[in-house]
Amino acid sequence: MLRDALPEIVTATLPGPRAQALIDRRHAAIPNAIGCSYPAVIERGEGAMLEDVDGNKFLDWIGGVGVLNIGYSQPEVVEVVKAQAEKYFHGMFNIVTHEGYVALAEKLCAIAPVKGERKKAFFANSGAEANEALIKMARKYGVEKYGPHKYNIVTAKMGFHGRTFGSMSATGQPDNAC
């Protein structure tokens, strides 16, 4: 079982031959602005381990970012995804309301350590999208409350807040930081 395996490199070089072939195809079909940090092409993942298309096994320290807290292919999560996919796979919340989104927002509002009686939650598909929405909300609030150009946005200089132009501009990221 992959989740119990130890890291193992079975190819003479990294990337291995199958991975290199797909990386070459990637470079031919995808802009360089969408970089990739590691010379690996994932075949499967379990827990904190990933196996590449050449059979090399890696301990994944970043968990594909999106699965960092739970690891790859957790059985409980796989079962929930299967059950949801049998009902409907995706419904954009700005097109059709669904109970799961509302229930999660209610739960988050109930536990969020934020002052005030009225709390609202917003979910985004990425940190960059969340930051862009926050910039828009801060701007709208600042303009409504104080007038045009009377608002500030605080960020961490050279911090990573996403790859959108607005997020990169807010933190002073150079254009080539993608």
Protein backbone atom coordinates (compact mmCIF):
# COMPACT_ATOMS: atom_id res chain seq x y z
CA MET A 1 0.00 0.00 0.00
CA LEU A 2 1.47 3.34 -1.06
CA ARG A 3 0.47 5.19 2.11
CA ASP A 4 2.74 2.88 4.13
CA ALA A 5 5.67 2.93 1.67
CA LEU A 6 8.99 4.67 2.15
CA PRO A 7 10.41 7.09 -0.42
CA GLU A 8 12.19 5.22 -3.22
CA ILE A 9 13.84 6.38 -6.43
CA VAL A 10 13.86 3.62 -9.07
CA THR A 11 14.96 5.60 -12.12
CA ALA A 12 18.56 6.58 -12.90
CA THR A 13 17.57 10.27 -13.14
CA LEU A 14 14.79 12.57 -12.07
CA PRO A 15 12.60 13.06 -13.87
CA GLY A 16 12.42 9.50 -15.15
CA PRO A 17 11.78 8.81 -18.84
CA ARG A 18 7.96 8.71 -18.71
CA ALA A 19 7.83 11.81 -16.53
CA GLN A 20 10.27 13.65 -18.81
CA ALA A 21 8.12 12.85 -21.84
CA LEU A 22 5.03 14.35 -20.17
CA ILE A 23 6.99 17.36 -18.91
CA ASP A 24 8.19 17.95 -22.49
CA ARG A 25 4.56 17.79 -23.67
CA ARG A 26 3.64 20.23 -20.88
CA HIS A 27 6.27 22.74 -22.07
CA ALA A 28 4.97 22.46 -25.63
CA ALA A 29 1.29 22.96 -24.71
CA ILE A 30 1.23 25.16 -21.59
CA PRO A 31 2.65 28.69 -21.05
CA ASN A 32 5.86 28.90 -19.02
CA ALA A 33 4.10 31.37 -16.69
CA ILE A 34 2.47 28.33 -15.08
CA GLY A 35 5.60 26.89 -13.56
CA CYS A 36 6.17 23.63 -11.75
CA SER A 37 8.53 23.22 -8.81
CA TYR A 38 9.32 19.51 -8.96
CA PRO A 39 10.40 17.15 -11.75
CA ALA A 40 7.66 14.65 -10.94
CA VAL A 41 4.50 13.57 -12.77
CA ILE A 42 2.03 12.10 -10.30
CA GLU A 43 0.39 8.77 -11.08
CA ARG A 44 -1.32 8.33 -7.72
CA GLY A 45 -1.20 9.47 -4.13
CA GLU A 46 -2.12 7.98 -0.76
CA GLY A 47 -1.72 9.72 2.57
CA ALA A 48 1.48 11.77 2.40
CA MET A 49 3.05 9.66 -0.36
CA LEU A 50 2.93 10.12 -4.10
CA GLU A 51 4.10 7.81 -6.84
CA ASP A 52 5.16 9.19 -10.19
CA VAL A 53 4.56 7.69 -13.62
CA ASP A 54 7.97 5.99 -13.49
CA GLY A 55 7.36 4.26 -10.14
CA ASN A 56 9.42 6.64 -7.99
CA LYS A 57 7.90 7.18 -4.56
CA PHE A 58 8.10 10.55 -2.79
CA LEU A 59 7.12 11.83 0.61
CA ASP A 60 5.03 14.80 -0.43
CA TRP A 61 5.77 17.66 1.94
CA ILE A 62 3.16 19.97 0.41
CA GLY A 63 0.40 17.48 -0.32
CA GLY A 64 -0.55 18.95 -3.65
CA VAL A 65 -1.35 22.09 -1.60
CA GLY A 66 -5.08 21.36 -1.78
CA VAL A 67 -4.87 18.09 0.17
CA LEU A 68 -2.23 19.21 2.67
CA ASN A 69 -4.34 18.69 5.78
CA ILE A 70 -5.77 15.29 4.91
CA GLY A 71 -3.34 13.65 2.50
CA TYR A 72 -4.14 11.93 -0.77
CA SER A 73 -7.02 9.52 -1.28
CA GLN A 74 -8.27 9.35 2.29
CA PRO A 75 -10.97 6.61 2.27
CA GLU A 76 -13.51 8.73 4.18
CA VAL A 77 -13.13 11.60 1.74
CA VAL A 78 -13.28 9.28 -1.28
CA GLU A 79 -16.60 7.86 -0.02
CA VAL A 80 -18.11 11.33 0.51
CA VAL A 81 -17.00 12.40 -2.99
CA LYS A 82 -18.54 9.25 -4.51
CA ALA A 83 -21.83 9.85 -2.69
CA GLN A 84 -21.92 13.49 -3.83
CA ALA A 85 -21.04 12.61 -7.43
CA GLU A 86 -24.00 10.21 -7.53
CA LYS A 87 -26.34 13.15 -6.71
CA TYR A 88 -24.71 15.87 -8.83
CA PHE A 89 -21.09 16.56 -9.48
CA HIS A 90 -21.07 20.34 -9.50
CA GLY A 91 -23.49 23.19 -9.20
CA MET A 92 -22.11 26.72 -9.38
CA PHE A 93 -23.46 28.49 -6.34
CA ASN A 94 -24.03 31.74 -8.19
CA ILE A 95 -26.28 29.81 -10.58
CA VAL A 96 -28.12 27.38 -8.29
CA THR A 97 -28.32 27.19 -4.48
CA HIS A 98 -27.33 23.95 -2.79
CA GLU A 99 -27.65 22.94 0.83
CA GLY A 100 -24.03 21.92 1.40
CA TYR A 101 -22.71 25.42 0.67
CA VAL A 102 -25.29 27.06 2.93
CA ALA A 103 -24.71 24.54 5.75
CA LEU A 104 -20.93 25.02 5.60
CA ALA A 105 -21.33 28.81 5.61
CA GLU A 106 -23.63 28.61 8.62
CA LYS A 107 -21.17 26.39 10.49
CA LEU A 108 -18.25 28.67 9.70
CA CYS A 109 -20.21 31.75 10.81
CA ALA A 110 -21.16 30.00 14.05
CA ILE A 111 -17.56 29.22 15.00
CA ALA A 112 -15.69 32.19 13.48
CA PRO A 113 -14.06 34.29 16.22
CA VAL A 114 -15.33 37.53 14.72
CA LYS A 115 -17.05 40.31 16.65
CA GLY A 116 -20.60 41.21 15.80
CA GLU A 117 -23.90 39.43 15.48
CA ARG A 118 -24.04 39.31 11.69
CA LYS A 119 -21.45 37.11 10.05
CA LYS A 120 -21.33 35.97 6.46
CA ALA A 121 -19.06 33.51 4.69
CA PHE A 122 -17.72 33.46 1.15
CA PHE A 123 -15.98 30.49 -0.44
CA ALA A 124 -13.56 30.72 -3.32
CA ASN A 125 -11.76 28.17 -5.45
CA SER A 126 -8.30 29.58 -4.72
CA GLY A 127 -6.41 31.98 -2.51
CA ALA A 128 -6.00 34.36 -5.42
CA GLU A 129 -9.75 34.44 -6.04
CA ALA A 130 -10.37 35.04 -2.34
CA ASN A 131 -7.85 37.89 -2.33
CA GLU A 132 -9.35 39.47 -5.44
CA ALA A 133 -12.81 39.32 -3.82
CA LEU A 134 -11.43 40.80 -0.59
CA ILE A 135 -9.81 43.68 -2.49
CA LYS A 136 -13.15 44.38 -4.19
CA MET A 137 -15.04 44.21 -0.88
CA ALA A 138 -12.51 46.47 0.89
CA ARG A 139 -12.65 48.95 -1.94
CA LYS A 140 -16.47 48.95 -2.00
CA TYR A 141 -16.64 49.41 1.78
CA GLY A 142 -13.98 52.14 1.77
CA VAL A 143 -15.66 54.08 -1.03
CA GLU A 144 -19.11 53.77 0.56
CA LYS A 145 -17.89 54.79 4.02
CA TYR A 146 -15.12 57.30 3.29
CA GLY A 147 -15.41 58.34 -0.35
CA PRO A 148 -13.37 57.61 -3.47
CA HIS A 149 -9.75 56.56 -2.98
CA LYS A 150 -10.08 56.54 0.82
CA TYR A 151 -9.26 52.94 1.63
CA ASN A 152 -6.14 50.90 2.37
CA ILE A 153 -5.26 47.26 1.86
CA VAL A 154 -2.62 45.76 4.14
CA THR A 155 -0.51 42.91 2.76
CA ALA A 156 2.80 41.23 3.46
CA LYS A 157 5.38 42.71 1.09
CA MET A 158 6.76 40.00 -1.21
CA GLY A 159 4.40 37.50 0.45
CA PHE A 160 2.63 35.04 -1.80
CA HIS A 161 -1.04 35.87 -2.12
CA GLY A 162 -1.82 34.27 -5.47
CA ARG A 163 -0.94 34.51 -9.13
CA THR A 164 -3.51 37.03 -10.30
CA PHE A 165 -2.28 40.46 -11.29
CA GLY A 166 -4.22 42.12 -8.48
CA SER A 167 -2.82 39.82 -5.81
CA MET A 168 0.73 40.14 -7.12
CA SER A 169 0.42 43.93 -7.37
CA ALA A 170 -0.83 44.24 -3.81
CA THR A 171 2.24 42.47 -2.43
CA GLY A 172 4.88 43.91 -4.70
CA GLN A 173 5.51 40.60 -6.43
CA PRO A 174 7.40 40.98 -9.69
CA ASP A 175 5.47 40.00 -12.82
CA ASN A 176 7.73 36.97 -13.30
CA ALA A 177 6.87 35.52 -9.86
CA CYS A 178 4.30 33.19 -11.37
